[in-house]
Amino acid sequence: MVKLPKKSIAKTTLIINIILFIISLIFQLVVSNATGLKGEELAALEKGKTQLQKEISELEYQSYNLSSLVLIEKKANEQGFEKIKEAIAALPKLSDSQVAVVTTY
């Protein structure tokens, strides 16, 4: 068995420890940087999601307003339509077709 002087073993151990320390610092720096970038991306995506949800809400509100019966009736009146005051049923007398009529007042 070969015996190395204590000074040589201590020096080799010190160099190995310094190299391992530097490698661990570099690894930690790389991992921290990657985590920070992912955090920024996540924050940007969350902001985009919030903006899209706001736009969806606004569009739903506009859709409900535009499809409301009051608005449709108002626009129909502006275009000259009038409410039906009595039921209108006009079918040809010699017709073989069947027709279902629903009347509401």
PDB file of N, CA and C in Angstrom:
ATOM      1  N   MET A   1       0.834  -1.170   0.000  1.00  0.00           N
ATOM      2  CA  MET A   1       0.000   0.000   0.000  1.00  0.00           C
ATOM      3  C   MET A   1       0.888   1.246   0.000  1.00  0.00           C
ATOM      4  N   VAL A   2       0.480   2.196  -0.808  1.00  0.00           N
ATOM      5  CA  VAL A   2       1.268   3.409  -0.950  1.00  0.00           C
ATOM      6  C   VAL A   2       0.758   4.432   0.047  1.00  0.00           C
ATOM      7  N   LYS A   3       1.640   4.997   0.779  1.00  0.00           N
ATOM      8  CA  LYS A   3       1.248   6.022   1.750  1.00  0.00           C
ATOM      9  C   LYS A   3       1.560   7.383   1.171  1.00  0.00           C
ATOM     10  N   LEU A   4       0.496   8.227   1.164  1.00  0.00           N
ATOM     11  CA  LEU A   4       0.688   9.593   0.697  1.00  0.00           C
ATOM     12  C   LEU A   4       0.891  10.497   1.902  1.00  0.00           C
ATOM     13  N   PRO A   5       1.688  11.507   1.732  1.00  0.00           N
ATOM     14  CA  PRO A   5       1.878  12.429   2.853  1.00  0.00           C
ATOM     15  C   PRO A   5       0.565  13.139   3.198  1.00  0.00           C
ATOM     16  N   LYS A   6       0.379  13.454   4.464  1.00  0.00           N
ATOM     17  CA  LYS A   6      -0.849  14.114   4.935  1.00  0.00           C
ATOM     18  C   LYS A   6      -1.066  15.447   4.241  1.00  0.00           C
ATOM     19  N   LYS A   7      -0.010  16.139   3.937  1.00  0.00           N
ATOM     20  CA  LYS A   7      -0.126  17.425   3.275  1.00  0.00           C
ATOM     21  C   LYS A   7      -0.748  17.263   1.890  1.00  0.00           C
ATOM     22  N   SER A   8      -0.347  16.222   1.157  1.00  0.00           N
ATOM     23  CA  SER A   8      -0.862  15.970  -0.186  1.00  0.00           C
ATOM     24  C   SER A   8      -2.345  15.596  -0.138  1.00  0.00           C
ATOM     25  N   ILE A   9      -2.720  14.775   0.823  1.00  0.00           N
ATOM     26  CA  ILE A   9      -4.133  14.373   0.976  1.00  0.00           C
ATOM     27  C   ILE A   9      -4.985  15.584   1.331  1.00  0.00           C
ATOM     28  N   ALA A  10      -4.528  16.416   2.209  1.00  0.00           N
ATOM     29  CA  ALA A  10      -5.272  17.603   2.612  1.00  0.00           C
ATOM     30  C   ALA A  10      -5.412  18.568   1.438  1.00  0.00           C
ATOM     31  N   LYS A  11      -4.353  18.722   0.681  1.00  0.00           N
ATOM     32  CA  LYS A  11      -4.406  19.622  -0.470  1.00  0.00           C
ATOM     33  C   LYS A  11      -5.377  19.094  -1.525  1.00  0.00           C
ATOM     34  N   THR A  12      -5.340  17.815  -1.815  1.00  0.00           N
ATOM     35  CA  THR A  12      -6.244  17.200  -2.796  1.00  0.00           C
ATOM     36  C   THR A  12      -7.697  17.324  -2.330  1.00  0.00           C
ATOM     37  N   THR A  13      -7.932  17.062  -1.066  1.00  0.00           N
ATOM     38  CA  THR A  13      -9.292  17.173  -0.510  1.00  0.00           C
ATOM     39  C   THR A  13      -9.792  18.609  -0.594  1.00  0.00           C
ATOM     40  N   LEU A  14      -8.920  19.550  -0.312  1.00  0.00           N
ATOM     41  CA  LEU A  14      -9.298  20.965  -0.397  1.00  0.00           C
ATOM     42  C   LEU A  14      -9.671  21.352  -1.833  1.00  0.00           C
ATOM     43  N   ILE A  15      -8.886  20.927  -2.785  1.00  0.00           N
ATOM     44  CA  ILE A  15      -9.162  21.242  -4.189  1.00  0.00           C
ATOM     45  C   ILE A  15     -10.480  20.609  -4.625  1.00  0.00           C
ATOM     46  N   ILE A  16     -10.712  19.361  -4.265  1.00  0.00           N
ATOM     47  CA  ILE A  16     -11.968  18.679  -4.613  1.00  0.00           C
ATOM     48  C   ILE A  16     -13.155  19.396  -3.973  1.00  0.00           C
ATOM     49  N   ASN A  17     -13.008  19.792  -2.711  1.00  0.00           N
ATOM     50  CA  ASN A  17     -14.093  20.504  -2.024  1.00  0.00           C
ATOM     51  C   ASN A  17     -14.375  21.863  -2.678  1.00  0.00           C
ATOM     52  N   ILE A  18     -13.364  22.572  -3.076  1.00  0.00           N
ATOM     53  CA  ILE A  18     -13.546  23.871  -3.731  1.00  0.00           C
ATOM     54  C   ILE A  18     -14.249  23.685  -5.076  1.00  0.00           C
ATOM     55  N   ILE A  19     -13.828  22.672  -5.842  1.00  0.00           N
ATOM     56  CA  ILE A  19     -14.461  22.404  -7.134  1.00  0.00           C
ATOM     57  C   ILE A  19     -15.931  22.031  -6.939  1.00  0.00           C
ATOM     58  N   LEU A  20     -16.222  21.164  -5.978  1.00  0.00           N
ATOM     59  CA  LEU A  20     -17.613  20.780  -5.703  1.00  0.00           C
ATOM     60  C   LEU A  20     -18.434  21.990  -5.244  1.00  0.00           C
ATOM     61  N   PHE A  21     -17.828  22.846  -4.441  1.00  0.00           N
ATOM     62  CA  PHE A  21     -18.534  24.044  -3.985  1.00  0.00           C
ATOM     63  C   PHE A  21     -18.875  24.963  -5.160  1.00  0.00           C
ATOM     64  N   ILE A  22     -17.928  25.180  -6.055  1.00  0.00           N
ATOM     65  CA  ILE A  22     -18.154  26.039  -7.225  1.00  0.00           C
ATOM     66  C   ILE A  22     -19.225  25.422  -8.130  1.00  0.00           C
ATOM     67  N   ILE A  23     -19.162  24.110  -8.348  1.00  0.00           N
ATOM     68  CA  ILE A  23     -20.177  23.431  -9.176  1.00  0.00           C
ATOM     69  C   ILE A  23     -21.554  23.560  -8.547  1.00  0.00           C
ATOM     70  N   SER A  24     -21.656  23.406  -7.228  1.00  0.00           N
ATOM     71  CA  SER A  24     -22.959  23.525  -6.567  1.00  0.00           C
ATOM     72  C   SER A  24     -23.496  24.959  -6.646  1.00  0.00           C
ATOM     73  N   LEU A  25     -22.608  25.956  -6.546  1.00  0.00           N
ATOM     74  CA  LEU A  25     -23.044  27.349  -6.688  1.00  0.00           C
ATOM     75  C   LEU A  25     -23.570  27.624  -8.095  1.00  0.00           C
ATOM     76  N   ILE A  26     -22.855  27.121  -9.095  1.00  0.00           N
ATOM     77  CA  ILE A  26     -23.295  27.318 -10.479  1.00  0.00           C
ATOM     78  C   ILE A  26     -24.637  26.617 -10.705  1.00  0.00           C
ATOM     79  N   PHE A  27     -24.758  25.399 -10.196  1.00  0.00           N
ATOM     80  CA  PHE A  27     -26.023  24.662 -10.339  1.00  0.00           C
ATOM     81  C   PHE A  27     -27.173  25.416  -9.680  1.00  0.00           C
ATOM     82  N   GLN A  28     -26.950  25.919  -8.473  1.00  0.00           N
ATOM     83  CA  GLN A  28     -27.984  26.668  -7.763  1.00  0.00           C
ATOM     84  C   GLN A  28     -28.348  27.948  -8.517  1.00  0.00           C
ATOM     85  N   LEU A  29     -27.389  28.617  -9.091  1.00  0.00           N
ATOM     86  CA  LEU A  29     -27.631  29.824  -9.872  1.00  0.00           C
ATOM     87  C   LEU A  29     -28.490  29.508 -11.100  1.00  0.00           C
ATOM     88  N   VAL A  30     -28.167  28.431 -11.798  1.00  0.00           N
ATOM     89  CA  VAL A  30     -28.925  28.044 -12.982  1.00  0.00           C
ATOM     90  C   VAL A  30     -30.363  27.694 -12.609  1.00  0.00           C
ATOM     91  N   VAL A  31     -30.540  26.916 -11.551  1.00  0.00           N
ATOM     92  CA  VAL A  31     -31.889  26.515 -11.122  1.00  0.00           C
ATOM     93  C   VAL A  31     -32.690  27.734 -10.662  1.00  0.00           C
ATOM     94  N   SER A  32     -32.073  28.630  -9.921  1.00  0.00           N
ATOM     95  CA  SER A  32     -32.773  29.834  -9.456  1.00  0.00           C
ATOM     96  C   SER A  32     -33.179  30.718 -10.628  1.00  0.00           C
ATOM     97  N   ASN A  33     -32.306  30.851 -11.603  1.00  0.00           N
ATOM     98  CA  ASN A  33     -32.611  31.659 -12.783  1.00  0.00           C
ATOM     99  C   ASN A  33     -33.779  31.053 -13.554  1.00  0.00           C
ATOM    100  N   ALA A  34     -33.768  29.747 -13.746  1.00  0.00           N
ATOM    101  CA  ALA A  34     -34.857  29.081 -14.463  1.00  0.00           C
ATOM    102  C   ALA A  34     -36.178  29.236 -13.708  1.00  0.00           C
ATOM    103  N   THR A  35     -36.129  29.117 -12.402  1.00  0.00           N
ATOM    104  CA  THR A  35     -37.339  29.274 -11.588  1.00  0.00           C
ATOM    105  C   THR A  35     -37.864  30.700 -11.674  1.00  0.00           C
ATOM    106  N   GLY A  36     -36.984  31.668 -11.645  1.00  0.00           N
ATOM    107  CA  GLY A  36     -37.400  33.067 -11.762  1.00  0.00           C
ATOM    108  C   GLY A  36     -38.055  33.359 -13.099  1.00  0.00           C
ATOM    109  N   LEU A  37     -37.497  32.822 -14.167  1.00  0.00           N
ATOM    110  CA  LEU A  37     -38.085  33.025 -15.495  1.00  0.00           C
ATOM    111  C   LEU A  37     -39.465  32.380 -15.589  1.00  0.00           C
ATOM    112  N   LYS A  38     -39.602  31.189 -15.033  1.00  0.00           N
ATOM    113  CA  LYS A  38     -40.909  30.520 -15.053  1.00  0.00           C
ATOM    114  C   LYS A  38     -41.930  31.313 -14.236  1.00  0.00           C
ATOM    115  N   GLY A  39     -41.481  31.920 -13.155  1.00  0.00           N
ATOM    116  CA  GLY A  39     -42.377  32.752 -12.345  1.00  0.00           C
ATOM    117  C   GLY A  39     -42.871  33.964 -13.118  1.00  0.00           C
ATOM    118  N   GLU A  40     -41.979  34.583 -13.881  1.00  0.00           N
ATOM    119  CA  GLU A  40     -42.377  35.735 -14.706  1.00  0.00           C
ATOM    120  C   GLU A  40     -43.363  35.306 -15.788  1.00  0.00           C
ATOM    121  N   GLU A  41     -43.094  34.157 -16.424  1.00  0.00           N
ATOM    122  CA  GLU A  41     -44.001  33.650 -17.447  1.00  0.00           C
ATOM    123  C   GLU A  41     -45.373  33.356 -16.852  1.00  0.00           C
ATOM    124  N   LEU A  42     -45.382  32.758 -15.671  1.00  0.00           N
ATOM    125  CA  LEU A  42     -46.642  32.436 -14.999  1.00  0.00           C
ATOM    126  C   LEU A  42     -47.419  33.712 -14.665  1.00  0.00           C
ATOM    127  N   ALA A  43     -46.730  34.731 -14.197  1.00  0.00           N
ATOM    128  CA  ALA A  43     -47.396  36.000 -13.879  1.00  0.00           C
ATOM    129  C   ALA A  43     -47.989  36.626 -15.136  1.00  0.00           C
ATOM    130  N   ALA A  44     -47.255  36.569 -16.251  1.00  0.00           N
ATOM    131  CA  ALA A  44     -47.772  37.120 -17.516  1.00  0.00           C
ATOM    132  C   ALA A  44     -48.989  36.345 -17.986  1.00  0.00           C
ATOM    133  N   LEU A  45     -48.957  35.029 -17.850  1.00  0.00           N
ATOM    134  CA  LEU A  45     -50.105  34.206 -18.247  1.00  0.00           C
ATOM    135  C   LEU A  45     -51.322  34.478 -17.363  1.00  0.00           C
ATOM    136  N   GLU A  46     -51.100  34.655 -16.084  1.00  0.00           N
ATOM    137  CA  GLU A  46     -52.202  34.973 -15.167  1.00  0.00           C
ATOM    138  C   GLU A  46     -52.835  36.315 -15.535  1.00  0.00           C
ATOM    139  N   LYS A  47     -51.991  37.294 -15.875  1.00  0.00           N
ATOM    140  CA  LYS A  47     -52.497  38.604 -16.280  1.00  0.00           C
ATOM    141  C   LYS A  47     -53.311  38.481 -17.557  1.00  0.00           C
ATOM    142  N   GLY A  48     -52.817  37.702 -18.518  1.00  0.00           N
ATOM    143  CA  GLY A  48     -53.558  37.472 -19.759  1.00  0.00           C
ATOM    144  C   GLY A  48     -54.883  36.767 -19.514  1.00  0.00           C
ATOM    145  N   LYS A  49     -54.876  35.811 -18.602  1.00  0.00           N
ATOM    146  CA  LYS A  49     -56.105  35.083 -18.265  1.00  0.00           C
ATOM    147  C   LYS A  49     -57.137  36.032 -17.662  1.00  0.00           C
ATOM    148  N   THR A  50     -56.695  36.889 -16.764  1.00  0.00           N
ATOM    149  CA  THR A  50     -57.599  37.854 -16.142  1.00  0.00           C
ATOM    150  C   THR A  50     -58.186  38.794 -17.188  1.00  0.00           C
ATOM    151  N   GLN A  51     -57.352  39.243 -18.125  1.00  0.00           N
ATOM    152  CA  GLN A  51     -57.819  40.134 -19.190  1.00  0.00           C
ATOM    153  C   GLN A  51     -58.847  39.432 -20.067  1.00  0.00           C
ATOM    154  N   LEU A  52     -58.590  38.180 -20.421  1.00  0.00           N
ATOM    155  CA  LEU A  52     -59.535  37.428 -21.247  1.00  0.00           C
ATOM    156  C   LEU A  52     -60.863  37.202 -20.523  1.00  0.00           C
ATOM    157  N   GLN A  53     -60.798  36.904 -19.228  1.00  0.00           N
ATOM    158  CA  GLN A  53     -62.033  36.719 -18.461  1.00  0.00           C
ATOM    159  C   GLN A  53     -62.837  38.022 -18.419  1.00  0.00           C
ATOM    160  N   LYS A  54     -62.156  39.150 -18.306  1.00  0.00           N
ATOM    161  CA  LYS A  54     -62.834  40.441 -18.306  1.00  0.00           C
ATOM    162  C   LYS A  54     -63.512  40.683 -19.652  1.00  0.00           C
ATOM    163  N   GLU A  55     -62.805  40.389 -20.758  1.00  0.00           N
ATOM    164  CA  GLU A  55     -63.383  40.573 -22.086  1.00  0.00           C
ATOM    165  C   GLU A  55     -64.575  39.646 -22.299  1.00  0.00           C
ATOM    166  N   ILE A  56     -64.482  38.411 -21.811  1.00  0.00           N
ATOM    167  CA  ILE A  56     -65.594  37.467 -21.934  1.00  0.00           C
ATOM    168  C   ILE A  56     -66.809  37.997 -21.187  1.00  0.00           C
ATOM    169  N   SER A  57     -66.599  38.519 -19.992  1.00  0.00           N
ATOM    170  CA  SER A  57     -67.705  39.070 -19.210  1.00  0.00           C
ATOM    171  C   SER A  57     -68.365  40.239 -19.934  1.00  0.00           C
ATOM    172  N   GLU A  58     -67.549  41.119 -20.509  1.00  0.00           N
ATOM    173  CA  GLU A  58     -68.098  42.266 -21.238  1.00  0.00           C
ATOM    174  C   GLU A  58     -68.895  41.814 -22.457  1.00  0.00           C
ATOM    175  N   LEU A  59     -68.377  40.817 -23.184  1.00  0.00           N
ATOM    176  CA  LEU A  59     -69.078  40.318 -24.365  1.00  0.00           C
ATOM    177  C   LEU A  59     -70.386  39.617 -23.979  1.00  0.00           C
ATOM    178  N   GLU A  60     -70.381  38.877 -22.873  1.00  0.00           N
ATOM    179  CA  GLU A  60     -71.617  38.236 -22.410  1.00  0.00           C
ATOM    180  C   GLU A  60     -72.651  39.297 -22.035  1.00  0.00           C
ATOM    181  N   TYR A  61     -72.199  40.359 -21.374  1.00  0.00           N
ATOM    182  CA  TYR A  61     -73.110  41.441 -20.997  1.00  0.00           C
ATOM    183  C   TYR A  61     -73.721  42.085 -22.238  1.00  0.00           C
ATOM    184  N   GLN A  62     -72.877  42.356 -23.240  1.00  0.00           N
ATOM    185  CA  GLN A  62     -73.380  42.933 -24.484  1.00  0.00           C
ATOM    186  C   GLN A  62     -74.342  41.976 -25.186  1.00  0.00           C
ATOM    187  N   SER A  63     -74.036  40.701 -25.150  1.00  0.00           N
ATOM    188  CA  SER A  63     -74.900  39.705 -25.784  1.00  0.00           C
ATOM    189  C   SER A  63     -76.263  39.671 -25.111  1.00  0.00           C
ATOM    190  N   TYR A  64     -76.276  39.684 -23.778  1.00  0.00           N
ATOM    191  CA  TYR A  64     -77.549  39.673 -23.055  1.00  0.00           C
ATOM    192  C   TYR A  64     -78.362  40.925 -23.355  1.00  0.00           C
ATOM    193  N   ASN A  65     -77.678  42.069 -23.418  1.00  0.00           N
ATOM    194  CA  ASN A  65     -78.384  43.320 -23.713  1.00  0.00           C
ATOM    195  C   ASN A  65     -78.960  43.312 -25.117  1.00  0.00           C
ATOM    196  N   LEU A  66     -78.152  42.848 -26.085  1.00  0.00           N
ATOM    197  CA  LEU A  66     -78.608  42.874 -27.472  1.00  0.00           C
ATOM    198  C   LEU A  66     -79.708  41.855 -27.742  1.00  0.00           C
ATOM    199  N   SER A  67     -79.761  40.801 -26.956  1.00  0.00           N
ATOM    200  CA  SER A  67     -80.784  39.783 -27.191  1.00  0.00           C
ATOM    201  C   SER A  67     -82.003  39.949 -26.279  1.00  0.00           C
ATOM    202  N   SER A  68     -82.039  41.011 -25.501  1.00  0.00           N
ATOM    203  CA  SER A  68     -83.189  41.200 -24.616  1.00  0.00           C
ATOM    204  C   SER A  68     -84.426  41.518 -25.449  1.00  0.00           C
ATOM    205  N   LEU A  69     -85.552  41.021 -25.009  1.00  0.00           N
ATOM    206  CA  LEU A  69     -86.805  41.205 -25.743  1.00  0.00           C
ATOM    207  C   LEU A  69     -87.208  42.677 -25.805  1.00  0.00           C
ATOM    208  N   VAL A  70     -86.910  43.438 -24.795  1.00  0.00           N
ATOM    209  CA  VAL A  70     -87.256  44.858 -24.790  1.00  0.00           C
ATOM    210  C   VAL A  70     -86.525  45.572 -25.924  1.00  0.00           C
ATOM    211  N   LEU A  71     -85.223  45.287 -26.072  1.00  0.00           N
ATOM    212  CA  LEU A  71     -84.446  45.919 -27.127  1.00  0.00           C
ATOM    213  C   LEU A  71     -84.926  45.465 -28.510  1.00  0.00           C
ATOM    214  N   ILE A  72     -85.216  44.182 -28.651  1.00  0.00           N
ATOM    215  CA  ILE A  72     -85.698  43.669 -29.933  1.00  0.00           C
ATOM    216  C   ILE A  72     -87.034  44.317 -30.289  1.00  0.00           C
ATOM    217  N   GLU A  73     -87.921  44.438 -29.308  1.00  0.00           N
ATOM    218  CA  GLU A  73     -89.223  45.063 -29.553  1.00  0.00           C
ATOM    219  C   GLU A  73     -89.058  46.538 -29.927  1.00  0.00           C
ATOM    220  N   LYS A  74     -88.151  47.222 -29.253  1.00  0.00           N
ATOM    221  CA  LYS A  74     -87.903  48.640 -29.549  1.00  0.00           C
ATOM    222  C   LYS A  74     -87.389  48.811 -30.975  1.00  0.00           C
ATOM    223  N   LYS A  75     -86.428  47.969 -31.380  1.00  0.00           N
ATOM    224  CA  LYS A  75     -85.885  48.072 -32.735  1.00  0.00           C
ATOM    225  C   LYS A  75     -86.940  47.709 -33.776  1.00  0.00           C
ATOM    226  N   ALA A  76     -87.795  46.748 -33.469  1.00  0.00           N
ATOM    227  CA  ALA A  76     -88.866  46.380 -34.400  1.00  0.00           C
ATOM    228  C   ALA A  76     -89.829  47.548 -34.570  1.00  0.00           C
ATOM    229  N   ASN A  77     -90.161  48.228 -33.479  1.00  0.00           N
ATOM    230  CA  ASN A  77     -91.046  49.404 -33.561  1.00  0.00           C
ATOM    231  C   ASN A  77     -90.402  50.516 -34.384  1.00  0.00           C
ATOM    232  N   GLU A  78     -89.079  50.699 -34.221  1.00  0.00           N
ATOM    233  CA  GLU A  78     -88.375  51.725 -34.995  1.00  0.00           C
ATOM    234  C   GLU A  78     -88.406  51.421 -36.492  1.00  0.00           C
ATOM    235  N   GLN A  79     -88.460  50.147 -36.839  1.00  0.00           N
ATOM    236  CA  GLN A  79     -88.475  49.748 -38.243  1.00  0.00           C
ATOM    237  C   GLN A  79     -89.888  49.657 -38.812  1.00  0.00           C
ATOM    238  N   GLY A  80     -90.885  49.977 -38.002  1.00  0.00           N
ATOM    239  CA  GLY A  80     -92.253  50.026 -38.509  1.00  0.00           C
ATOM    240  C   GLY A  80     -93.102  48.811 -38.178  1.00  0.00           C
ATOM    241  N   PHE A  81     -92.588  47.882 -37.433  1.00  0.00           N
ATOM    242  CA  PHE A  81     -93.394  46.730 -37.042  1.00  0.00           C
ATOM    243  C   PHE A  81     -94.358  47.143 -35.935  1.00  0.00           C
ATOM    244  N   GLU A  82     -95.497  46.466 -35.886  1.00  0.00           N
ATOM    245  CA  GLU A  82     -96.486  46.754 -34.851  1.00  0.00           C
ATOM    246  C   GLU A  82     -96.874  45.460 -34.164  1.00  0.00           C
ATOM    247  N   LYS A  83     -97.388  45.580 -32.940  1.00  0.00           N
ATOM    248  CA  LYS A  83     -97.855  44.410 -32.206  1.00  0.00           C
ATOM    249  C   LYS A  83     -99.132  43.881 -32.850  1.00  0.00           C
ATOM    250  N   ILE A  84     -99.272  42.579 -32.843  1.00  0.00           N
ATOM    251  CA  ILE A  84    -100.489  41.960 -33.380  1.00  0.00           C
ATOM    252  C   ILE A  84    -101.600  42.120 -32.342  1.00  0.00           C
ATOM    253  N   LYS A  85    -102.713  42.646 -32.792  1.00  0.00           N
ATOM    254  CA  LYS A  85    -103.826  42.876 -31.879  1.00  0.00           C
ATOM    255  C   LYS A  85    -104.836  41.734 -31.927  1.00  0.00           C
ATOM    256  N   GLU A  86    -104.858  41.015 -33.014  1.00  0.00           N
ATOM    257  CA  GLU A  86    -105.759  39.867 -33.110  1.00  0.00           C
ATOM    258  C   GLU A  86    -105.071  38.785 -33.923  1.00  0.00           C
ATOM    259  N   ALA A  87    -105.508  37.563 -33.727  1.00  0.00           N
ATOM    260  CA  ALA A  87    -104.900  36.438 -34.415  1.00  0.00           C
ATOM    261  C   ALA A  87    -105.209  36.489 -35.905  1.00  0.00           C
ATOM    262  N   ILE A  88    -104.239  36.200 -36.705  1.00  0.00           N
ATOM    263  CA  ILE A  88    -104.410  36.175 -38.147  1.00  0.00           C
ATOM    264  C   ILE A  88    -104.250  34.728 -38.594  1.00  0.00           C
ATOM    265  N   ALA A  89    -105.268  34.200 -39.210  1.00  0.00           N
ATOM    266  CA  ALA A  89    -105.187  32.835 -39.719  1.00  0.00           C
ATOM    267  C   ALA A  89    -105.729  32.841 -41.130  1.00  0.00           C
ATOM    268  N   ALA A  90    -104.884  32.678 -42.101  1.00  0.00           N
ATOM    269  CA  ALA A  90    -105.311  32.649 -43.496  1.00  0.00           C
ATOM    270  C   ALA A  90    -104.717  31.420 -44.143  1.00  0.00           C
ATOM    271  N   LEU A  91    -105.556  30.449 -44.401  1.00  0.00           N
ATOM    272  CA  LEU A  91    -105.123  29.230 -45.061  1.00  0.00           C
ATOM    273  C   LEU A  91    -105.927  29.069 -46.340  1.00  0.00           C
ATOM    274  N   PRO A  92    -105.323  28.568 -47.350  1.00  0.00           N
ATOM    275  CA  PRO A  92    -106.098  28.310 -48.567  1.00  0.00           C
ATOM    276  C   PRO A  92    -107.181  27.270 -48.290  1.00  0.00           C
ATOM    277  N   LYS A  93    -108.344  27.463 -48.875  1.00  0.00           N
ATOM    278  CA  LYS A  93    -109.467  26.569 -48.595  1.00  0.00           C
ATOM    279  C   LYS A  93    -109.249  25.172 -49.145  1.00  0.00           C
ATOM    280  N   LEU A  94    -108.559  25.048 -50.234  1.00  0.00           N
ATOM    281  CA  LEU A  94    -108.358  23.743 -50.855  1.00  0.00           C
ATOM    282  C   LEU A  94    -106.905  23.288 -50.654  1.00  0.00           C
ATOM    283  N   SER A  95    -106.494  23.256 -49.434  1.00  0.00           N
ATOM    284  CA  SER A  95    -105.107  22.889 -49.134  1.00  0.00           C
ATOM    285  C   SER A  95    -105.080  21.548 -48.436  1.00  0.00           C
ATOM    286  N   ASP A  96    -104.149  20.691 -48.833  1.00  0.00           N
ATOM    287  CA  ASP A  96    -103.981  19.381 -48.199  1.00  0.00           C
ATOM    288  C   ASP A  96    -102.944  19.435 -47.068  1.00  0.00           C
ATOM    289  N   SER A  97    -102.298  20.544 -46.925  1.00  0.00           N
ATOM    290  CA  SER A  97    -101.252  20.633 -45.915  1.00  0.00           C
ATOM    291  C   SER A  97    -101.856  20.832 -44.525  1.00  0.00           C
ATOM    292  N   GLN A  98    -101.123  20.371 -43.529  1.00  0.00           N
ATOM    293  CA  GLN A  98    -101.549  20.527 -42.131  1.00  0.00           C
ATOM    294  C   GLN A  98    -100.710  21.624 -41.501  1.00  0.00           C
ATOM    295  N   VAL A  99    -101.379  22.459 -40.745  1.00  0.00           N
ATOM    296  CA  VAL A  99    -100.692  23.581 -40.125  1.00  0.00           C
ATOM    297  C   VAL A  99    -101.053  23.628 -38.647  1.00  0.00           C
ATOM    298  N   ALA A 100    -100.056  23.843 -37.799  1.00  0.00           N
ATOM    299  CA  ALA A 100    -100.302  24.022 -36.374  1.00  0.00           C
ATOM    300  C   ALA A 100    -100.213  25.496 -36.086  1.00  0.00           C
ATOM    301  N   VAL A 101    -101.178  26.027 -35.364  1.00  0.00           N
ATOM    302  CA  VAL A 101    -101.210  27.443 -35.055  1.00  0.00           C
ATOM    303  C   VAL A 101    -101.200  27.604 -33.539  1.00  0.00           C
ATOM    304  N   VAL A 102    -100.334  28.461 -33.050  1.00  0.00           N
ATOM    305  CA  VAL A 102    -100.276  28.770 -31.616  1.00  0.00           C
ATOM    306  C   VAL A 102    -100.632  30.239 -31.483  1.00  0.00           C
ATOM    307  N   THR A 103    -101.636  30.519 -30.692  1.00  0.00           N
ATOM    308  CA  THR A 103    -102.017  31.910 -30.466  1.00  0.00           C
ATOM    309  C   THR A 103    -101.825  32.239 -29.011  1.00  0.00           C
ATOM    310  N   THR A 104    -101.182  33.335 -28.766  1.00  0.00           N
ATOM    311  CA  THR A 104    -101.010  33.837 -27.401  1.00  0.00           C
ATOM    312  C   THR A 104    -101.402  35.305 -27.382  1.00  0.00           C
ATOM    313  N   TYR A 105    -102.018  35.717 -26.347  1.00  0.00           N
ATOM    314  CA  TYR A 105    -102.450  37.109 -26.218  1.00  0.00           C
ATOM    315  C   TYR A 105    -101.903  37.689 -24.942  1.00  0.00           C
TER     316      TYR A 105
END
